[in-house]
Amino acid sequence: MRTHVISKKPEHLDWSQLPVAAIDHLLWTPEVDISAVAQICYDENALYVHLSAKEEHIRAENTGLLDQPCEDSCLEFFFSPIPGDDRYFNVEFNPNCCMYLGLGYNVDTLVRLLPEGGASFNPKSTRTADCWEITYQIPYTFIRQFFPEFSAESGKRIRANFYKCGDETVQPHYFAWNRVTSETPAFHRPCDFGELVFE
């Protein structure tokens, strides 16, 4: 199981200075020329997430509130905020900042959430010809609506995984930070989450 540190957010946030988690386990598809990384930090108010991908054929078609960003070039963060509680959030974005936000125990129990249309997450995306990135925050006030006892403290551990996918891209692909053990495409597997540790 992989482990990664959730860094303390510096006063002047510079992602180039924070540790990188490689989303480098290719799953279920032939080799593709795509790479992705994740970064995460925190302060007293929120988690801050930065995901980036390098891919030649970026697909960004979905824009609607109920669209499916995973059909496009997509970067995802799944996490279980409380040890012993098997529920997890899944947060997905495409390059248009089209968002999917869900909560559940598995794909069959997942409920899609629409908190202010995702506005409280303040997503920002940038894109070049063959690269794109998404940055957003996850306020603790949002997390505590579902996990009232959640707190972000040094040494605390949560289970999580980062993913890169693209169901309808020119080169359909599935990558994970912590390896997924399913024989068929399935990201909704808390049993395959790695561990994030608050610095």
N, C-alpha and C. Protein backbone atom coordinates (compact mmCIF):
# COMPACT_ATOMS: atom_id res chain seq x y z
N MET A 1 0.84 -1.20 0.00
CA MET A 1 0.00 0.00 0.00
C MET A 1 0.88 1.25 0.00
N ARG A 2 0.58 2.16 -0.89
CA ARG A 2 1.34 3.40 -0.96
C ARG A 2 0.90 4.39 0.12
N THR A 3 1.85 5.23 0.53
CA THR A 3 1.58 6.29 1.50
C THR A 3 2.12 7.60 0.94
N HIS A 4 1.38 8.69 1.18
CA HIS A 4 1.81 10.01 0.73
C HIS A 4 1.47 11.03 1.81
N VAL A 5 2.29 12.06 1.94
CA VAL A 5 2.11 13.09 2.96
C VAL A 5 1.22 14.21 2.43
N ILE A 6 0.23 14.59 3.25
CA ILE A 6 -0.55 15.80 2.99
C ILE A 6 0.23 16.95 3.63
N SER A 7 0.90 17.73 2.82
CA SER A 7 1.77 18.79 3.33
C SER A 7 0.96 19.92 3.96
N LYS A 8 1.57 20.61 4.89
CA LYS A 8 0.96 21.84 5.41
C LYS A 8 1.04 22.90 4.32
N LYS A 9 -0.05 23.60 4.11
CA LYS A 9 -0.11 24.61 3.06
C LYS A 9 0.78 25.80 3.44
N PRO A 10 1.74 26.12 2.58
CA PRO A 10 2.59 27.29 2.87
C PRO A 10 1.80 28.58 2.69
N GLU A 11 2.32 29.64 3.28
CA GLU A 11 1.63 30.94 3.19
C GLU A 11 1.45 31.35 1.74
N HIS A 12 2.47 31.15 0.93
CA HIS A 12 2.37 31.43 -0.50
C HIS A 12 2.47 30.09 -1.23
N LEU A 13 1.33 29.56 -1.62
CA LEU A 13 1.28 28.21 -2.18
C LEU A 13 1.95 28.15 -3.54
N ASP A 14 2.96 27.31 -3.64
CA ASP A 14 3.69 27.07 -4.89
C ASP A 14 3.74 25.56 -5.08
N TRP A 15 2.90 25.05 -5.98
CA TRP A 15 2.80 23.60 -6.14
C TRP A 15 4.13 22.98 -6.57
N SER A 16 4.98 23.73 -7.22
CA SER A 16 6.25 23.17 -7.67
C SER A 16 7.17 22.81 -6.50
N GLN A 17 6.83 23.30 -5.31
CA GLN A 17 7.66 23.04 -4.14
C GLN A 17 7.10 21.92 -3.25
N LEU A 18 5.96 21.33 -3.63
CA LEU A 18 5.33 20.32 -2.79
C LEU A 18 5.52 18.91 -3.37
N PRO A 19 5.48 17.89 -2.51
CA PRO A 19 5.70 16.50 -2.97
C PRO A 19 4.65 16.07 -3.99
N VAL A 20 5.08 15.16 -4.87
CA VAL A 20 4.23 14.67 -5.95
C VAL A 20 3.95 13.19 -5.73
N ALA A 21 2.70 12.80 -5.97
CA ALA A 21 2.31 11.39 -5.97
C ALA A 21 2.02 11.01 -7.43
N ALA A 22 2.79 10.06 -7.95
CA ALA A 22 2.63 9.66 -9.35
C ALA A 22 1.41 8.75 -9.51
N ILE A 23 0.53 9.13 -10.43
CA ILE A 23 -0.62 8.28 -10.76
C ILE A 23 -0.17 7.40 -11.92
N ASP A 24 0.58 6.35 -11.59
CA ASP A 24 1.36 5.67 -12.61
C ASP A 24 1.09 4.17 -12.77
N HIS A 25 0.07 3.66 -12.10
CA HIS A 25 -0.29 2.26 -12.31
C HIS A 25 -1.31 2.19 -13.45
N LEU A 26 -0.87 1.74 -14.63
CA LEU A 26 -1.76 1.57 -15.77
C LEU A 26 -2.58 0.31 -15.57
N LEU A 27 -3.89 0.42 -15.76
CA LEU A 27 -4.80 -0.68 -15.48
C LEU A 27 -5.69 -0.99 -16.68
N TRP A 28 -5.82 -2.28 -17.01
CA TRP A 28 -6.87 -2.81 -17.88
C TRP A 28 -6.76 -2.44 -19.36
N THR A 29 -5.84 -1.60 -19.77
CA THR A 29 -5.74 -1.20 -21.17
C THR A 29 -4.29 -1.34 -21.64
N PRO A 30 -4.09 -1.38 -22.96
CA PRO A 30 -2.72 -1.40 -23.47
C PRO A 30 -1.98 -0.12 -23.11
N GLU A 31 -0.67 -0.15 -23.26
CA GLU A 31 0.18 1.00 -22.95
C GLU A 31 -0.26 2.24 -23.72
N VAL A 32 -0.31 3.37 -23.04
CA VAL A 32 -0.65 4.66 -23.65
C VAL A 32 0.37 5.69 -23.20
N ASP A 33 0.60 6.71 -24.01
CA ASP A 33 1.57 7.75 -23.70
C ASP A 33 0.88 8.86 -22.91
N ILE A 34 0.54 8.56 -21.68
CA ILE A 34 -0.15 9.48 -20.79
C ILE A 34 0.50 9.39 -19.42
N SER A 35 0.65 10.52 -18.76
CA SER A 35 1.18 10.52 -17.40
C SER A 35 0.37 11.51 -16.56
N ALA A 36 0.33 11.25 -15.25
CA ALA A 36 -0.44 12.12 -14.36
C ALA A 36 0.17 12.09 -12.96
N VAL A 37 -0.02 13.20 -12.24
CA VAL A 37 0.48 13.29 -10.87
C VAL A 37 -0.55 14.00 -10.00
N ALA A 38 -0.42 13.80 -8.69
CA ALA A 38 -1.31 14.43 -7.71
C ALA A 38 -0.48 15.11 -6.64
N GLN A 39 -1.03 16.20 -6.11
CA GLN A 39 -0.45 16.88 -4.96
C GLN A 39 -1.58 17.31 -4.04
N ILE A 40 -1.29 17.36 -2.75
CA ILE A 40 -2.33 17.73 -1.79
C ILE A 40 -1.69 18.40 -0.58
N CYS A 41 -2.37 19.42 -0.05
CA CYS A 41 -1.91 20.09 1.16
C CYS A 41 -3.13 20.54 1.95
N TYR A 42 -2.88 21.10 3.14
CA TYR A 42 -4.00 21.47 4.01
C TYR A 42 -3.64 22.64 4.90
N ASP A 43 -4.70 23.32 5.38
CA ASP A 43 -4.57 24.31 6.43
C ASP A 43 -5.73 24.11 7.39
N GLU A 44 -6.06 25.12 8.17
CA GLU A 44 -7.11 24.96 9.18
C GLU A 44 -8.51 24.96 8.59
N ASN A 45 -8.63 25.26 7.29
CA ASN A 45 -9.94 25.39 6.68
C ASN A 45 -10.30 24.34 5.64
N ALA A 46 -9.29 23.79 4.94
CA ALA A 46 -9.61 22.96 3.78
C ALA A 46 -8.43 22.08 3.36
N LEU A 47 -8.77 21.10 2.56
CA LEU A 47 -7.78 20.37 1.77
C LEU A 47 -7.64 21.09 0.43
N TYR A 48 -6.42 21.10 -0.12
CA TYR A 48 -6.16 21.73 -1.41
C TYR A 48 -5.55 20.66 -2.31
N VAL A 49 -6.16 20.46 -3.48
CA VAL A 49 -5.78 19.37 -4.37
C VAL A 49 -5.34 19.93 -5.71
N HIS A 50 -4.23 19.40 -6.20
CA HIS A 50 -3.72 19.78 -7.53
C HIS A 50 -3.41 18.50 -8.30
N LEU A 51 -4.10 18.32 -9.42
CA LEU A 51 -3.90 17.15 -10.27
C LEU A 51 -3.53 17.62 -11.66
N SER A 52 -2.58 16.94 -12.29
CA SER A 52 -2.19 17.34 -13.64
C SER A 52 -1.92 16.11 -14.50
N ALA A 53 -2.12 16.28 -15.80
CA ALA A 53 -1.94 15.17 -16.74
C ALA A 53 -1.30 15.66 -18.02
N LYS A 54 -0.50 14.80 -18.59
CA LYS A 54 0.08 15.03 -19.91
C LYS A 54 -0.50 13.97 -20.84
N GLU A 55 -1.24 14.41 -21.85
CA GLU A 55 -1.85 13.49 -22.81
C GLU A 55 -2.03 14.22 -24.14
N GLU A 56 -1.75 13.52 -25.20
CA GLU A 56 -1.78 14.15 -26.52
C GLU A 56 -3.19 14.47 -26.97
N HIS A 57 -4.14 13.59 -26.68
CA HIS A 57 -5.51 13.75 -27.16
C HIS A 57 -6.43 14.07 -25.98
N ILE A 58 -6.53 15.33 -25.65
CA ILE A 58 -7.37 15.77 -24.53
C ILE A 58 -8.81 15.87 -25.01
N ARG A 59 -9.71 15.20 -24.31
CA ARG A 59 -11.14 15.30 -24.62
C ARG A 59 -11.81 16.10 -23.51
N ALA A 60 -12.59 17.12 -23.90
CA ALA A 60 -13.29 17.97 -22.93
C ALA A 60 -14.62 18.39 -23.53
N GLU A 61 -15.59 17.49 -23.51
CA GLU A 61 -16.90 17.73 -24.11
C GLU A 61 -17.95 18.09 -23.06
N ASN A 62 -17.88 17.49 -21.89
CA ASN A 62 -18.94 17.65 -20.90
C ASN A 62 -18.80 18.96 -20.13
N THR A 63 -19.92 19.65 -19.96
CA THR A 63 -19.94 20.93 -19.25
C THR A 63 -21.11 21.05 -18.28
N GLY A 64 -22.12 20.20 -18.40
CA GLY A 64 -23.35 20.34 -17.63
C GLY A 64 -23.24 19.87 -16.19
N LEU A 65 -24.18 20.32 -15.38
CA LEU A 65 -24.18 20.01 -13.95
C LEU A 65 -24.28 18.51 -13.68
N LEU A 66 -25.00 17.79 -14.55
CA LEU A 66 -25.20 16.36 -14.35
C LEU A 66 -24.45 15.52 -15.38
N ASP A 67 -23.51 16.12 -16.08
CA ASP A 67 -22.70 15.37 -17.05
C ASP A 67 -21.71 14.45 -16.34
N GLN A 68 -21.06 13.60 -17.14
CA GLN A 68 -20.11 12.62 -16.61
C GLN A 68 -18.69 13.00 -17.04
N PRO A 69 -17.91 13.63 -16.18
CA PRO A 69 -16.55 14.02 -16.56
C PRO A 69 -15.65 12.82 -16.90
N CYS A 70 -15.97 11.63 -16.38
CA CYS A 70 -15.12 10.47 -16.65
C CYS A 70 -15.18 10.03 -18.11
N GLU A 71 -16.17 10.50 -18.87
CA GLU A 71 -16.19 10.22 -20.30
C GLU A 71 -15.08 10.98 -21.02
N ASP A 72 -14.68 12.11 -20.46
CA ASP A 72 -13.63 12.96 -21.02
C ASP A 72 -12.29 12.62 -20.39
N SER A 73 -11.27 13.38 -20.73
CA SER A 73 -10.03 13.36 -19.95
C SER A 73 -10.41 13.75 -18.53
N CYS A 74 -10.05 12.93 -17.57
CA CYS A 74 -10.59 13.11 -16.22
C CYS A 74 -9.52 12.80 -15.18
N LEU A 75 -9.50 13.60 -14.12
CA LEU A 75 -8.63 13.39 -12.96
C LEU A 75 -9.50 13.29 -11.72
N GLU A 76 -9.21 12.29 -10.86
CA GLU A 76 -10.12 11.97 -9.77
C GLU A 76 -9.39 11.78 -8.44
N PHE A 77 -10.11 12.09 -7.38
CA PHE A 77 -9.61 11.91 -6.01
C PHE A 77 -10.72 11.27 -5.20
N PHE A 78 -10.48 10.06 -4.67
CA PHE A 78 -11.41 9.36 -3.81
C PHE A 78 -10.80 9.32 -2.41
N PHE A 79 -11.60 9.59 -1.36
CA PHE A 79 -11.03 9.52 -0.02
C PHE A 79 -12.09 9.23 1.04
N SER A 80 -11.66 8.47 2.04
CA SER A 80 -12.47 8.15 3.22
C SER A 80 -11.95 8.99 4.38
N PRO A 81 -12.71 9.99 4.82
CA PRO A 81 -12.16 10.94 5.81
C PRO A 81 -11.96 10.38 7.22
N ILE A 82 -12.71 9.33 7.58
CA ILE A 82 -12.70 8.84 8.96
C ILE A 82 -12.31 7.37 9.00
N PRO A 83 -11.26 7.01 9.73
CA PRO A 83 -10.93 5.59 9.90
C PRO A 83 -12.10 4.85 10.55
N GLY A 84 -12.41 3.67 10.01
CA GLY A 84 -13.50 2.88 10.55
C GLY A 84 -14.85 3.16 9.92
N ASP A 85 -14.95 4.22 9.14
CA ASP A 85 -16.17 4.53 8.39
C ASP A 85 -15.86 4.28 6.93
N ASP A 86 -16.53 3.30 6.33
CA ASP A 86 -16.18 2.86 4.98
C ASP A 86 -16.71 3.76 3.86
N ARG A 87 -17.47 4.78 4.21
CA ARG A 87 -17.94 5.70 3.16
C ARG A 87 -16.77 6.51 2.60
N TYR A 88 -16.89 6.89 1.36
CA TYR A 88 -15.85 7.69 0.73
C TYR A 88 -16.50 8.72 -0.20
N PHE A 89 -15.79 9.83 -0.38
CA PHE A 89 -16.15 10.81 -1.40
C PHE A 89 -15.41 10.46 -2.68
N ASN A 90 -16.05 10.65 -3.82
CA ASN A 90 -15.29 10.65 -5.07
C ASN A 90 -15.50 11.99 -5.75
N VAL A 91 -14.37 12.61 -6.10
CA VAL A 91 -14.35 13.93 -6.71
C VAL A 91 -13.69 13.79 -8.09
N GLU A 92 -14.41 14.15 -9.13
CA GLU A 92 -13.91 14.00 -10.49
C GLU A 92 -14.05 15.33 -11.24
N PHE A 93 -13.03 15.66 -12.04
CA PHE A 93 -13.09 16.85 -12.88
C PHE A 93 -12.53 16.54 -14.26
N ASN A 94 -13.12 17.21 -15.27
CA ASN A 94 -12.52 17.22 -16.60
C ASN A 94 -11.89 18.60 -16.82
N PRO A 95 -11.28 18.87 -17.98
CA PRO A 95 -10.62 20.16 -18.18
C PRO A 95 -11.57 21.36 -18.21
N ASN A 96 -12.88 21.12 -18.33
CA ASN A 96 -13.86 22.21 -18.31
C ASN A 96 -14.33 22.54 -16.90
N CYS A 97 -13.75 21.93 -15.90
CA CYS A 97 -14.21 22.03 -14.51
C CYS A 97 -15.59 21.41 -14.31
N CYS A 98 -16.00 20.56 -15.24
CA CYS A 98 -17.21 19.76 -15.05
C CYS A 98 -16.91 18.78 -13.91
N MET A 99 -17.80 18.75 -12.93
CA MET A 99 -17.53 18.04 -11.69
C MET A 99 -18.51 16.90 -11.45
N TYR A 100 -18.00 15.80 -10.95
CA TYR A 100 -18.84 14.75 -10.36
C TYR A 100 -18.40 14.62 -8.92
N LEU A 101 -19.36 14.69 -8.01
CA LEU A 101 -19.09 14.55 -6.59
C LEU A 101 -20.05 13.53 -6.02
N GLY A 102 -19.52 12.47 -5.43
CA GLY A 102 -20.37 11.42 -4.90
C GLY A 102 -19.94 11.01 -3.51
N LEU A 103 -20.85 10.30 -2.81
CA LEU A 103 -20.57 9.76 -1.49
C LEU A 103 -21.26 8.41 -1.38
N GLY A 104 -20.52 7.40 -0.90
CA GLY A 104 -21.14 6.10 -0.72
C GLY A 104 -20.15 5.09 -0.18
N TYR A 105 -20.61 3.84 -0.10
CA TYR A 105 -19.77 2.73 0.34
C TYR A 105 -19.14 2.01 -0.85
N ASN A 106 -19.79 2.09 -2.00
CA ASN A 106 -19.33 1.45 -3.22
C ASN A 106 -20.12 2.04 -4.38
N VAL A 107 -19.85 1.59 -5.59
CA VAL A 107 -20.50 2.18 -6.76
C VAL A 107 -22.01 1.99 -6.73
N ASP A 108 -22.49 0.93 -6.08
CA ASP A 108 -23.93 0.66 -6.05
C ASP A 108 -24.67 1.54 -5.06
N THR A 109 -24.00 2.04 -4.05
CA THR A 109 -24.66 2.89 -3.05
C THR A 109 -24.32 4.37 -3.22
N LEU A 110 -23.52 4.69 -4.23
CA LEU A 110 -23.04 6.06 -4.41
C LEU A 110 -24.19 7.03 -4.68
N VAL A 111 -24.18 8.15 -3.98
CA VAL A 111 -25.17 9.21 -4.17
C VAL A 111 -24.44 10.43 -4.70
N ARG A 112 -24.94 11.00 -5.80
CA ARG A 112 -24.33 12.19 -6.36
C ARG A 112 -24.74 13.41 -5.55
N LEU A 113 -23.77 14.25 -5.22
CA LEU A 113 -24.00 15.45 -4.42
C LEU A 113 -23.81 16.68 -5.29
N LEU A 114 -24.61 17.72 -5.00
CA LEU A 114 -24.50 18.96 -5.76
C LEU A 114 -24.40 20.15 -4.81
N PRO A 115 -23.31 20.26 -4.06
CA PRO A 115 -23.17 21.39 -3.13
C PRO A 115 -22.91 22.69 -3.87
N GLU A 116 -23.92 23.51 -4.01
CA GLU A 116 -23.80 24.80 -4.70
C GLU A 116 -23.17 24.63 -6.08
N GLY A 117 -23.48 23.52 -6.72
CA GLY A 117 -22.90 23.27 -8.03
C GLY A 117 -21.39 23.13 -7.99
N GLY A 118 -20.84 22.81 -6.81
CA GLY A 118 -19.40 22.65 -6.68
C GLY A 118 -18.67 23.97 -6.47
N ALA A 119 -19.41 25.08 -6.35
CA ALA A 119 -18.77 26.39 -6.26
C ALA A 119 -17.86 26.51 -5.04
N SER A 120 -18.23 25.85 -3.94
CA SER A 120 -17.41 25.95 -2.73
C SER A 120 -16.06 25.28 -2.91
N PHE A 121 -15.92 24.47 -3.95
CA PHE A 121 -14.65 23.81 -4.23
C PHE A 121 -13.71 24.72 -5.04
N ASN A 122 -14.25 25.79 -5.59
CA ASN A 122 -13.46 26.80 -6.30
C ASN A 122 -12.50 26.18 -7.32
N PRO A 123 -13.00 25.34 -8.23
CA PRO A 123 -12.09 24.68 -9.18
C PRO A 123 -11.52 25.64 -10.21
N LYS A 124 -10.26 25.40 -10.57
CA LYS A 124 -9.60 26.18 -11.62
C LYS A 124 -8.82 25.20 -12.50
N SER A 125 -8.99 25.33 -13.81
CA SER A 125 -8.31 24.45 -14.74
C SER A 125 -7.50 25.27 -15.73
N THR A 126 -6.34 24.76 -16.09
CA THR A 126 -5.54 25.35 -17.16
C THR A 126 -5.19 24.24 -18.14
N ARG A 127 -4.94 24.66 -19.38
CA ARG A 127 -4.73 23.66 -20.43
C ARG A 127 -3.78 24.19 -21.49
N THR A 128 -2.91 23.29 -21.98
CA THR A 128 -2.08 23.57 -23.14
C THR A 128 -2.42 22.52 -24.19
N ALA A 129 -1.63 22.45 -25.25
CA ALA A 129 -1.94 21.51 -26.34
C ALA A 129 -1.96 20.07 -25.86
N ASP A 130 -1.06 19.70 -24.95
CA ASP A 130 -0.98 18.31 -24.54
C ASP A 130 -0.89 18.12 -23.02
N CYS A 131 -1.29 19.14 -22.27
CA CYS A 131 -1.28 19.04 -20.81
C CYS A 131 -2.50 19.78 -20.25
N TRP A 132 -2.96 19.33 -19.11
CA TRP A 132 -4.00 20.08 -18.40
C TRP A 132 -3.88 19.79 -16.91
N GLU A 133 -4.44 20.69 -16.12
CA GLU A 133 -4.40 20.53 -14.67
C GLU A 133 -5.65 21.10 -14.05
N ILE A 134 -5.96 20.60 -12.88
CA ILE A 134 -7.11 21.09 -12.12
C ILE A 134 -6.67 21.31 -10.68
N THR A 135 -7.09 22.43 -10.11
CA THR A 135 -6.80 22.75 -8.72
C THR A 135 -8.12 23.10 -8.04
N TYR A 136 -8.33 22.58 -6.84
CA TYR A 136 -9.56 22.90 -6.11
C TYR A 136 -9.32 22.70 -4.63
N GLN A 137 -10.29 23.15 -3.85
CA GLN A 137 -10.23 22.97 -2.40
C GLN A 137 -11.44 22.16 -1.96
N ILE A 138 -11.29 21.47 -0.83
CA ILE A 138 -12.42 20.75 -0.23
C ILE A 138 -12.58 21.28 1.18
N PRO A 139 -13.53 22.18 1.40
CA PRO A 139 -13.67 22.80 2.74
C PRO A 139 -14.05 21.76 3.80
N TYR A 140 -13.50 21.91 4.98
CA TYR A 140 -13.87 21.02 6.07
C TYR A 140 -15.35 21.17 6.42
N THR A 141 -15.90 22.36 6.20
CA THR A 141 -17.33 22.55 6.49
C THR A 141 -18.17 21.61 5.61
N PHE A 142 -17.71 21.37 4.38
CA PHE A 142 -18.41 20.41 3.52
C PHE A 142 -18.23 18.99 4.05
N ILE A 143 -17.00 18.60 4.35
CA ILE A 143 -16.74 17.24 4.82
C ILE A 143 -17.54 16.95 6.08
N ARG A 144 -17.63 17.94 6.99
CA ARG A 144 -18.29 17.71 8.28
C ARG A 144 -19.81 17.64 8.18
N GLN A 145 -20.37 18.00 7.05
CA GLN A 145 -21.81 17.77 6.86
C GLN A 145 -22.12 16.28 6.90
N PHE A 146 -21.15 15.46 6.50
CA PHE A 146 -21.34 14.01 6.41
C PHE A 146 -20.50 13.26 7.44
N PHE A 147 -19.40 13.87 7.88
CA PHE A 147 -18.50 13.27 8.87
C PHE A 147 -18.22 14.33 9.94
N PRO A 148 -19.17 14.56 10.87
CA PRO A 148 -19.04 15.67 11.82
C PRO A 148 -17.78 15.62 12.67
N GLU A 149 -17.24 14.42 12.89
CA GLU A 149 -16.08 14.28 13.75
C GLU A 149 -14.76 14.49 13.01
N PHE A 150 -14.82 14.78 11.72
CA PHE A 150 -13.58 14.93 10.95
C PHE A 150 -12.74 16.11 11.45
N SER A 151 -11.43 15.87 11.53
CA SER A 151 -10.48 16.95 11.83
C SER A 151 -9.19 16.67 11.08
N ALA A 152 -8.47 17.71 10.76
CA ALA A 152 -7.19 17.60 10.07
C ALA A 152 -6.09 17.93 11.06
N GLU A 153 -5.37 16.92 11.50
CA GLU A 153 -4.35 17.10 12.51
C GLU A 153 -3.08 16.37 12.10
N SER A 154 -1.95 16.91 12.51
CA SER A 154 -0.66 16.29 12.20
C SER A 154 -0.64 14.84 12.69
N GLY A 155 -0.23 13.94 11.80
CA GLY A 155 -0.15 12.53 12.14
C GLY A 155 -1.39 11.73 11.81
N LYS A 156 -2.50 12.40 11.57
CA LYS A 156 -3.73 11.68 11.24
C LYS A 156 -3.61 11.04 9.86
N ARG A 157 -4.26 9.89 9.70
CA ARG A 157 -4.20 9.14 8.44
C ARG A 157 -5.60 8.95 7.88
N ILE A 158 -5.72 9.10 6.55
CA ILE A 158 -6.97 8.80 5.88
C ILE A 158 -6.67 7.90 4.68
N ARG A 159 -7.66 7.14 4.25
CA ARG A 159 -7.50 6.27 3.09
C ARG A 159 -7.93 7.03 1.84
N ALA A 160 -7.20 6.81 0.72
CA ALA A 160 -7.51 7.58 -0.49
C ALA A 160 -6.86 6.95 -1.71
N ASN A 161 -7.30 7.39 -2.87
CA ASN A 161 -6.64 7.05 -4.13
C ASN A 161 -6.84 8.19 -5.12
N PHE A 162 -5.89 8.31 -6.02
CA PHE A 162 -5.96 9.27 -7.12
C PHE A 162 -6.03 8.48 -8.42
N TYR A 163 -6.81 9.01 -9.38
CA TYR A 163 -7.00 8.30 -10.64
C TYR A 163 -6.91 9.24 -11.83
N LYS A 164 -6.55 8.67 -12.97
CA LYS A 164 -6.61 9.34 -14.28
C LYS A 164 -7.34 8.38 -15.21
N CYS A 165 -8.35 8.89 -15.90
CA CYS A 165 -9.09 8.03 -16.83
C CYS A 165 -9.61 8.85 -18.00
N GLY A 166 -10.25 8.17 -18.92
CA GLY A 166 -10.85 8.79 -20.09
C GLY A 166 -11.64 7.76 -20.86
N ASP A 167 -12.89 7.54 -20.47
CA ASP A 167 -13.69 6.45 -21.04
C ASP A 167 -13.91 6.59 -22.54
N GLU A 168 -14.08 7.82 -23.02
CA GLU A 168 -14.40 8.02 -24.44
C GLU A 168 -13.33 8.84 -25.15
N THR A 169 -12.14 8.84 -24.63
CA THR A 169 -11.03 9.54 -25.29
C THR A 169 -10.51 8.71 -26.46
N VAL A 170 -9.66 9.31 -27.28
CA VAL A 170 -9.06 8.59 -28.41
C VAL A 170 -8.35 7.33 -27.93
N GLN A 171 -7.70 7.43 -26.78
CA GLN A 171 -7.02 6.30 -26.16
C GLN A 171 -7.64 6.05 -24.78
N PRO A 172 -8.73 5.28 -24.71
CA PRO A 172 -9.32 5.00 -23.39
C PRO A 172 -8.25 4.45 -22.44
N HIS A 173 -8.28 4.92 -21.18
CA HIS A 173 -7.20 4.58 -20.26
C HIS A 173 -7.67 4.69 -18.83
N TYR A 174 -6.94 3.98 -17.96
CA TYR A 174 -7.23 3.98 -16.53
C TYR A 174 -5.90 3.88 -15.77
N PHE A 175 -5.63 4.88 -14.96
CA PHE A 175 -4.43 4.89 -14.12
C PHE A 175 -4.84 5.09 -12.67
N ALA A 176 -4.03 4.57 -11.75
CA ALA A 176 -4.26 4.78 -10.32
C ALA A 176 -2.94 5.06 -9.62
N TRP A 177 -3.01 5.81 -8.53
CA TRP A 177 -1.83 6.02 -7.67
C TRP A 177 -1.55 4.73 -6.89
N ASN A 178 -2.53 4.26 -6.13
CA ASN A 178 -2.39 2.97 -5.45
C ASN A 178 -3.05 1.90 -6.31
N ARG A 179 -2.33 0.83 -6.58
CA ARG A 179 -2.79 -0.17 -7.54
C ARG A 179 -4.17 -0.72 -7.18
N VAL A 180 -5.01 -0.86 -8.20
CA VAL A 180 -6.34 -1.44 -8.06
C VAL A 180 -6.26 -2.91 -8.46
N THR A 181 -6.83 -3.79 -7.64
CA THR A 181 -6.66 -5.22 -7.84
C THR A 181 -7.80 -5.88 -8.63
N SER A 182 -8.80 -5.12 -9.01
CA SER A 182 -9.90 -5.68 -9.81
C SER A 182 -9.40 -6.08 -11.20
N GLU A 183 -9.94 -7.15 -11.75
CA GLU A 183 -9.54 -7.61 -13.07
C GLU A 183 -10.23 -6.84 -14.19
N THR A 184 -11.26 -6.09 -13.86
CA THR A 184 -11.98 -5.26 -14.83
C THR A 184 -12.04 -3.84 -14.30
N PRO A 185 -12.27 -2.84 -15.17
CA PRO A 185 -12.27 -1.44 -14.73
C PRO A 185 -13.21 -1.19 -13.56
N ALA A 186 -12.65 -0.73 -12.44
CA ALA A 186 -13.42 -0.46 -11.23
C ALA A 186 -12.58 0.40 -10.29
N PHE A 187 -12.91 1.67 -10.19
CA PHE A 187 -12.20 2.57 -9.28
C PHE A 187 -12.83 2.60 -7.90
N HIS A 188 -14.10 2.22 -7.80
CA HIS A 188 -14.83 2.36 -6.54
C HIS A 188 -14.54 1.18 -5.62
N ARG A 189 -13.29 1.10 -5.19
CA ARG A 189 -12.82 -0.01 -4.38
C ARG A 189 -12.00 0.52 -3.19
N PRO A 190 -12.67 0.88 -2.10
CA PRO A 190 -11.93 1.36 -0.93
C PRO A 190 -10.88 0.36 -0.43
N CYS A 191 -11.08 -0.92 -0.73
CA CYS A 191 -10.08 -1.92 -0.33
C CYS A 191 -8.74 -1.69 -1.03
N ASP A 192 -8.75 -0.93 -2.12
CA ASP A 192 -7.52 -0.64 -2.86
C ASP A 192 -7.00 0.77 -2.64
N PHE A 193 -7.54 1.48 -1.66
CA PHE A 193 -7.05 2.82 -1.37
C PHE A 193 -5.67 2.74 -0.71
N GLY A 194 -4.86 3.76 -0.97
CA GLY A 194 -3.63 3.95 -0.23
C GLY A 194 -3.89 4.79 1.01
N GLU A 195 -2.82 5.37 1.55
CA GLU A 195 -2.95 6.12 2.81
C GLU A 195 -2.32 7.49 2.67
N LEU A 196 -3.04 8.50 3.12
CA LEU A 196 -2.52 9.87 3.18
C LEU A 196 -2.33 10.25 4.64
N VAL A 197 -1.17 10.85 4.94
CA VAL A 197 -0.82 11.20 6.30
C VAL A 197 -0.63 12.70 6.41
N PHE A 198 -1.35 13.33 7.34
CA PHE A 198 -1.20 14.76 7.55
C PHE A 198 0.16 15.08 8.17
N GLU A 199 0.87 15.97 7.53
CA GLU A 199 2.19 16.37 8.00
C GLU A 199 2.11 17.00 9.40
